[in-house]
C-alpha atoms as a PDB file:
ATOM      1  CA  UNK A   1      56.167 -45.451 241.174  1.00  0.00           C
ATOM      2  CA  UNK A   2      58.999 -45.547 238.701  1.00  0.00           C
ATOM      3  CA  UNK A   3      62.095 -43.516 238.108  1.00  0.00           C
ATOM      4  CA  UNK A   4      63.657 -42.724 234.606  1.00  0.00           C
ATOM      5  CA  UNK A   5      66.729 -41.155 233.854  1.00  0.00           C
ATOM      6  CA  UNK A   6      67.800 -39.171 230.771  1.00  0.00           C
ATOM      7  CA  UNK A   7      71.173 -37.711 229.715  1.00  0.00           C
ATOM      8  CA  UNK A   8      72.075 -35.374 226.871  1.00  0.00           C
ATOM      9  CA  UNK A   9      75.287 -33.628 225.741  1.00  0.00           C
ATOM     10  CA  UNK A  10      74.519 -30.081 224.745  1.00  0.00           C
ATOM     11  CA  UNK A  11      77.160 -27.973 222.848  1.00  0.00           C
ATOM     12  CA  UNK A  12      75.810 -24.665 224.719  1.00  0.00           C
ATOM     13  CA  UNK A  13      77.240 -23.124 227.880  1.00  0.00           C
ATOM     14  CA  UNK A  14      75.511 -23.989 231.001  1.00  0.00           C
ATOM     15  CA  UNK A  15      74.123 -20.521 231.523  1.00  0.00           C
ATOM     16  CA  UNK A  16      72.121 -20.796 228.110  1.00  0.00           C
ATOM     17  CA  UNK A  17      70.700 -24.312 229.128  1.00  0.00           C
ATOM     18  CA  UNK A  18      69.836 -23.011 232.648  1.00  0.00           C
ATOM     19  CA  UNK A  19      68.119 -20.199 231.270  1.00  0.00           C
ATOM     20  CA  UNK A  20      66.003 -22.213 228.830  1.00  0.00           C
ATOM     21  CA  UNK A  21      64.946 -24.445 231.590  1.00  0.00           C
ATOM     22  CA  UNK A  22      63.503 -21.540 233.426  1.00  0.00           C
ATOM     23  CA  UNK A  23      62.373 -19.465 230.706  1.00  0.00           C
ATOM     24  CA  UNK A  24      58.319 -19.991 230.163  1.00  0.00           C
ATOM     25  CA  UNK A  25      58.559 -19.174 226.380  1.00  0.00           C
ATOM     26  CA  UNK A  26      61.431 -21.574 225.666  1.00  0.00           C
ATOM     27  CA  UNK A  27      59.469 -24.195 227.981  1.00  0.00           C
ATOM     28  CA  UNK A  28      56.516 -23.895 225.540  1.00  0.00           C
ATOM     29  CA  UNK A  29      59.015 -24.789 222.698  1.00  0.00           C
ATOM     30  CA  UNK A  30      61.053 -27.475 224.301  1.00  0.00           C
ATOM     31  CA  UNK A  31      59.234 -29.308 227.154  1.00  0.00           C
ATOM     32  CA  UNK A  32      56.638 -30.860 224.816  1.00  0.00           C
ATOM     33  CA  UNK A  33      56.982 -33.933 222.676  1.00  0.00           C
ATOM     34  CA  UNK A  34      56.140 -33.700 219.050  1.00  0.00           C
ATOM     35  CA  UNK A  35      52.305 -34.073 218.197  1.00  0.00           C
ATOM     36  CA  UNK A  36      51.643 -32.103 221.199  1.00  0.00           C
ATOM     37  CA  UNK A  37      51.234 -28.173 221.870  1.00  0.00           C
ATOM     38  CA  UNK A  38      52.133 -26.533 225.251  1.00  0.00           C
ATOM     39  CA  UNK A  39      50.327 -23.701 227.149  1.00  0.00           C
ATOM     40  CA  UNK A  40      51.862 -22.135 230.551  1.00  0.00           C
ATOM     41  CA  UNK A  41      49.285 -20.868 232.744  1.00  0.00           C
ATOM     42  CA  UNK A  42      51.459 -20.102 235.587  1.00  0.00           C
ATOM     43  CA  UNK A  43      55.078 -19.962 236.038  1.00  0.00           C
ATOM     44  CA  UNK A  44      57.212 -18.459 238.854  1.00  0.00           C
ATOM     45  CA  UNK A  45      60.762 -19.410 238.476  1.00  0.00           C
ATOM     46  CA  UNK A  46      61.886 -19.006 241.952  1.00  0.00           C
ATOM     47  CA  UNK A  47      62.293 -21.341 244.790  1.00  0.00           C
ATOM     48  CA  UNK A  48      58.634 -22.165 246.068  1.00  0.00           C
ATOM     49  CA  UNK A  49      57.284 -20.558 242.981  1.00  0.00           C
ATOM     50  CA  UNK A  50      54.325 -22.203 241.369  1.00  0.00           C
ATOM     51  CA  UNK A  51      54.193 -23.847 237.878  1.00  0.00           C
ATOM     52  CA  UNK A  52      51.158 -25.002 235.759  1.00  0.00           C
ATOM     53  CA  UNK A  53      51.477 -26.334 232.319  1.00  0.00           C
ATOM     54  CA  UNK A  54      49.047 -27.945 229.844  1.00  0.00           C
ATOM     55  CA  UNK A  55      50.043 -30.210 226.960  1.00  0.00           C
ATOM     56  CA  UNK A  56      47.320 -31.057 224.389  1.00  0.00           C
ATOM     57  CA  UNK A  57      47.603 -33.948 221.706  1.00  0.00           C
ATOM     58  CA  UNK A  58      47.216 -32.559 218.206  1.00  0.00           C
ATOM     59  CA  UNK A  59      45.886 -35.728 217.008  1.00  0.00           C
ATOM     60  CA  UNK A  60      44.373 -38.626 218.698  1.00  0.00           C
ATOM     61  CA  UNK A  61      46.172 -38.998 221.766  1.00  0.00           C
ATOM     62  CA  UNK A  62      44.402 -39.431 225.129  1.00  0.00           C
ATOM     63  CA  UNK A  63      44.900 -37.075 227.893  1.00  0.00           C
ATOM     64  CA  UNK A  64      45.411 -37.610 231.515  1.00  0.00           C
ATOM     65  CA  UNK A  65      43.478 -34.331 232.673  1.00  0.00           C
ATOM     66  CA  UNK A  66      41.028 -34.129 229.965  1.00  0.00           C
ATOM     67  CA  UNK A  67      39.983 -36.029 226.748  1.00  0.00           C
ATOM     68  CA  UNK A  68      43.084 -34.839 224.808  1.00  0.00           C
ATOM     69  CA  UNK A  69      45.032 -32.779 227.521  1.00  0.00           C
ATOM     70  CA  UNK A  70      47.686 -33.251 230.277  1.00  0.00           C
ATOM     71  CA  UNK A  71      47.755 -30.686 232.777  1.00  0.00           C
ATOM     72  CA  UNK A  72      50.183 -30.687 235.647  1.00  0.00           C
ATOM     73  CA  UNK A  73      50.780 -28.203 238.254  1.00  0.00           C
ATOM     74  CA  UNK A  74      53.691 -27.864 240.937  1.00  0.00           C
ATOM     75  CA  UNK A  75      56.367 -25.906 242.105  1.00  0.00           C
ATOM     76  CA  UNK A  76      60.144 -25.276 242.182  1.00  0.00           C
ATOM     77  CA  UNK A  77      61.722 -26.989 245.132  1.00  0.00           C
ATOM     78  CA  UNK A  78      65.370 -25.934 244.535  1.00  0.00           C
ATOM     79  CA  UNK A  79      66.981 -23.657 241.862  1.00  0.00           C
ATOM     80  CA  UNK A  80      70.810 -23.451 241.792  1.00  0.00           C
ATOM     81  CA  UNK A  81      71.753 -21.027 238.973  1.00  0.00           C
ATOM     82  CA  UNK A  82      73.416 -22.902 236.143  1.00  0.00           C
ATOM     83  CA  UNK A  83      73.628 -25.943 237.970  1.00  0.00           C
ATOM     84  CA  UNK A  84      70.250 -27.476 239.099  1.00  0.00           C
ATOM     85  CA  UNK A  85      66.542 -27.131 238.717  1.00  0.00           C
ATOM     86  CA  UNK A  86      64.197 -29.377 240.736  1.00  0.00           C
ATOM     87  CA  UNK A  87      60.483 -29.409 240.217  1.00  0.00           C
ATOM     88  CA  UNK A  88      57.769 -31.203 242.042  1.00  0.00           C
ATOM     89  CA  UNK A  89      54.685 -31.739 239.618  1.00  0.00           C
ATOM     90  CA  UNK A  90      51.447 -33.586 239.662  1.00  0.00           C
ATOM     91  CA  UNK A  91      48.973 -34.362 236.976  1.00  0.00           C
ATOM     92  CA  UNK A  92      45.652 -32.645 237.510  1.00  0.00           C
ATOM     93  CA  UNK A  93      43.581 -35.834 237.270  1.00  0.00           C
ATOM     94  CA  UNK A  94      40.926 -37.926 239.071  1.00  0.00           C
ATOM     95  CA  UNK A  95      42.492 -41.209 237.913  1.00  0.00           C
ATOM     96  CA  UNK A  96      44.325 -42.674 241.074  1.00  0.00           C
ATOM     97  CA  UNK A  97      46.986 -44.761 238.677  1.00  0.00           C
ATOM     98  CA  UNK A  98      48.045 -40.976 237.523  1.00  0.00           C
ATOM     99  CA  UNK A  99      48.042 -39.328 240.853  1.00  0.00           C
ATOM    100  CA  UNK A 100      51.072 -38.370 243.170  1.00  0.00           C
ATOM    101  CA  UNK A 101      53.730 -35.968 243.212  1.00  0.00           C
ATOM    102  CA  UNK A 102      56.798 -36.564 240.712  1.00  0.00           C
ATOM    103  CA  UNK A 103      60.196 -35.007 241.419  1.00  0.00           C
ATOM    104  CA  UNK A 104      62.129 -33.807 238.416  1.00  0.00           C
ATOM    105  CA  UNK A 105      65.783 -33.124 238.840  1.00  0.00           C
ATOM    106  CA  UNK A 106      67.863 -31.563 235.946  1.00  0.00           C
ATOM    107  CA  UNK A 107      71.504 -31.128 236.736  1.00  0.00           C
ATOM    108  CA  UNK A 108      74.180 -29.358 234.500  1.00  0.00           C
ATOM    109  CA  UNK A 109      77.734 -29.636 234.489  1.00  0.00           C
ATOM    110  CA  UNK A 110      80.554 -28.761 232.296  1.00  0.00           C
ATOM    111  CA  UNK A 111      81.709 -30.967 229.495  1.00  0.00           C
ATOM    112  CA  UNK A 112      85.129 -31.475 228.364  1.00  0.00           C
ATOM    113  CA  UNK A 113      84.444 -29.684 224.988  1.00  0.00           C
ATOM    114  CA  UNK A 114      83.023 -26.491 226.720  1.00  0.00           C
ATOM    115  CA  UNK A 115      79.612 -27.559 226.282  1.00  0.00           C
ATOM    116  CA  UNK A 116      77.167 -29.010 229.029  1.00  0.00           C
ATOM    117  CA  UNK A 117      76.211 -32.517 230.291  1.00  0.00           C
ATOM    118  CA  UNK A 118      72.446 -32.556 231.169  1.00  0.00           C
ATOM    119  CA  UNK A 119      71.028 -35.230 233.589  1.00  0.00           C
ATOM    120  CA  UNK A 120      67.352 -35.416 234.213  1.00  0.00           C
ATOM    121  CA  UNK A 121      66.013 -37.823 236.749  1.00  0.00           C
ATOM    122  CA  UNK A 122      62.075 -38.238 236.866  1.00  0.00           C
ATOM    123  CA  UNK A 123      61.151 -39.762 240.392  1.00  0.00           C
ATOM    124  CA  UNK A 124      57.569 -40.998 241.467  1.00  0.00           C
ATOM    125  CA  UNK A 125      56.364 -41.504 237.963  1.00  0.00           C
ATOM    126  CA  UNK A 126      52.769 -42.716 238.566  1.00  0.00           C
ATOM    127  CA  UNK A 127      51.970 -46.461 237.943  1.00  0.00           C
ATOM    128  CA  UNK A 128      49.332 -45.325 235.086  1.00  0.00           C
ATOM    129  CA  UNK A 129      52.406 -43.710 232.967  1.00  0.00           C
ATOM    130  CA  UNK A 130      54.608 -46.338 231.102  1.00  0.00           C
ATOM    131  CA  UNK A 131      58.221 -45.658 231.929  1.00  0.00           C
ATOM    132  CA  UNK A 132      58.817 -46.315 228.218  1.00  0.00           C
ATOM    133  CA  UNK A 133      56.544 -43.462 227.141  1.00  0.00           C
ATOM    134  CA  UNK A 134      58.058 -41.057 229.600  1.00  0.00           C
ATOM    135  CA  UNK A 135      61.638 -41.842 228.316  1.00  0.00           C
ATOM    136  CA  UNK A 136      60.585 -41.372 224.787  1.00  0.00           C
ATOM    137  CA  UNK A 137      58.866 -37.971 225.572  1.00  0.00           C
ATOM    138  CA  UNK A 138      61.964 -36.678 227.558  1.00  0.00           C
ATOM    139  CA  UNK A 139      64.104 -37.928 224.680  1.00  0.00           C
ATOM    140  CA  UNK A 140      62.249 -36.152 222.181  1.00  0.00           C
ATOM    141  CA  UNK A 141      61.720 -33.008 224.426  1.00  0.00           C
ATOM    142  CA  UNK A 142      65.723 -32.826 225.190  1.00  0.00           C
ATOM    143  CA  UNK A 143      66.338 -32.975 221.324  1.00  0.00           C
ATOM    144  CA  UNK A 144      64.064 -30.049 221.170  1.00  0.00           C
ATOM    145  CA  UNK A 145      66.011 -28.356 224.077  1.00  0.00           C
ATOM    146  CA  UNK A 146      69.230 -28.900 221.948  1.00  0.00           C
ATOM    147  CA  UNK A 147      67.957 -27.426 218.925  1.00  0.00           C
ATOM    148  CA  UNK A 148      67.040 -24.213 221.006  1.00  0.00           C
ATOM    149  CA  UNK A 149      70.201 -23.622 222.737  1.00  0.00           C
ATOM    150  CA  UNK A 150      72.922 -25.082 220.575  1.00  0.00           C
ATOM    151  CA  UNK A 151      74.763 -22.991 218.071  1.00  0.00           C
ATOM    152  CA  UNK A 152      75.764 -24.574 215.015  1.00  0.00           C
END
């Protein structure tokens, strides 16, 4: 099991970023890499609330749950308004190399310029997921989050 860490400076207030982390309409837009679409099946953004999301490849990508889809489900383990979101997720798959709980902790802090510093730590990445692929996916998703919340 691997851990990846991602940081991003956002020129948006923490409250806007936090809201986008928990809004299922926003999540469909930002929490998906290019070349995939997202569908939120279940989203109860409160501590202990359940979530279930599918990411489907538009092209030739191979899915973890079905031929072209990655579906994961889990729950919100901790929510601290404008500061922290902790999700515990697991892929829906029969492949033992892709099973096991993953904990994603996103922390937000004030940046000197009035923006937000975001740190996302992904613990428990299954052995069947390359850390490099996870890092690229997070980098692309956080760029989409920035496009959503930043005011230029």
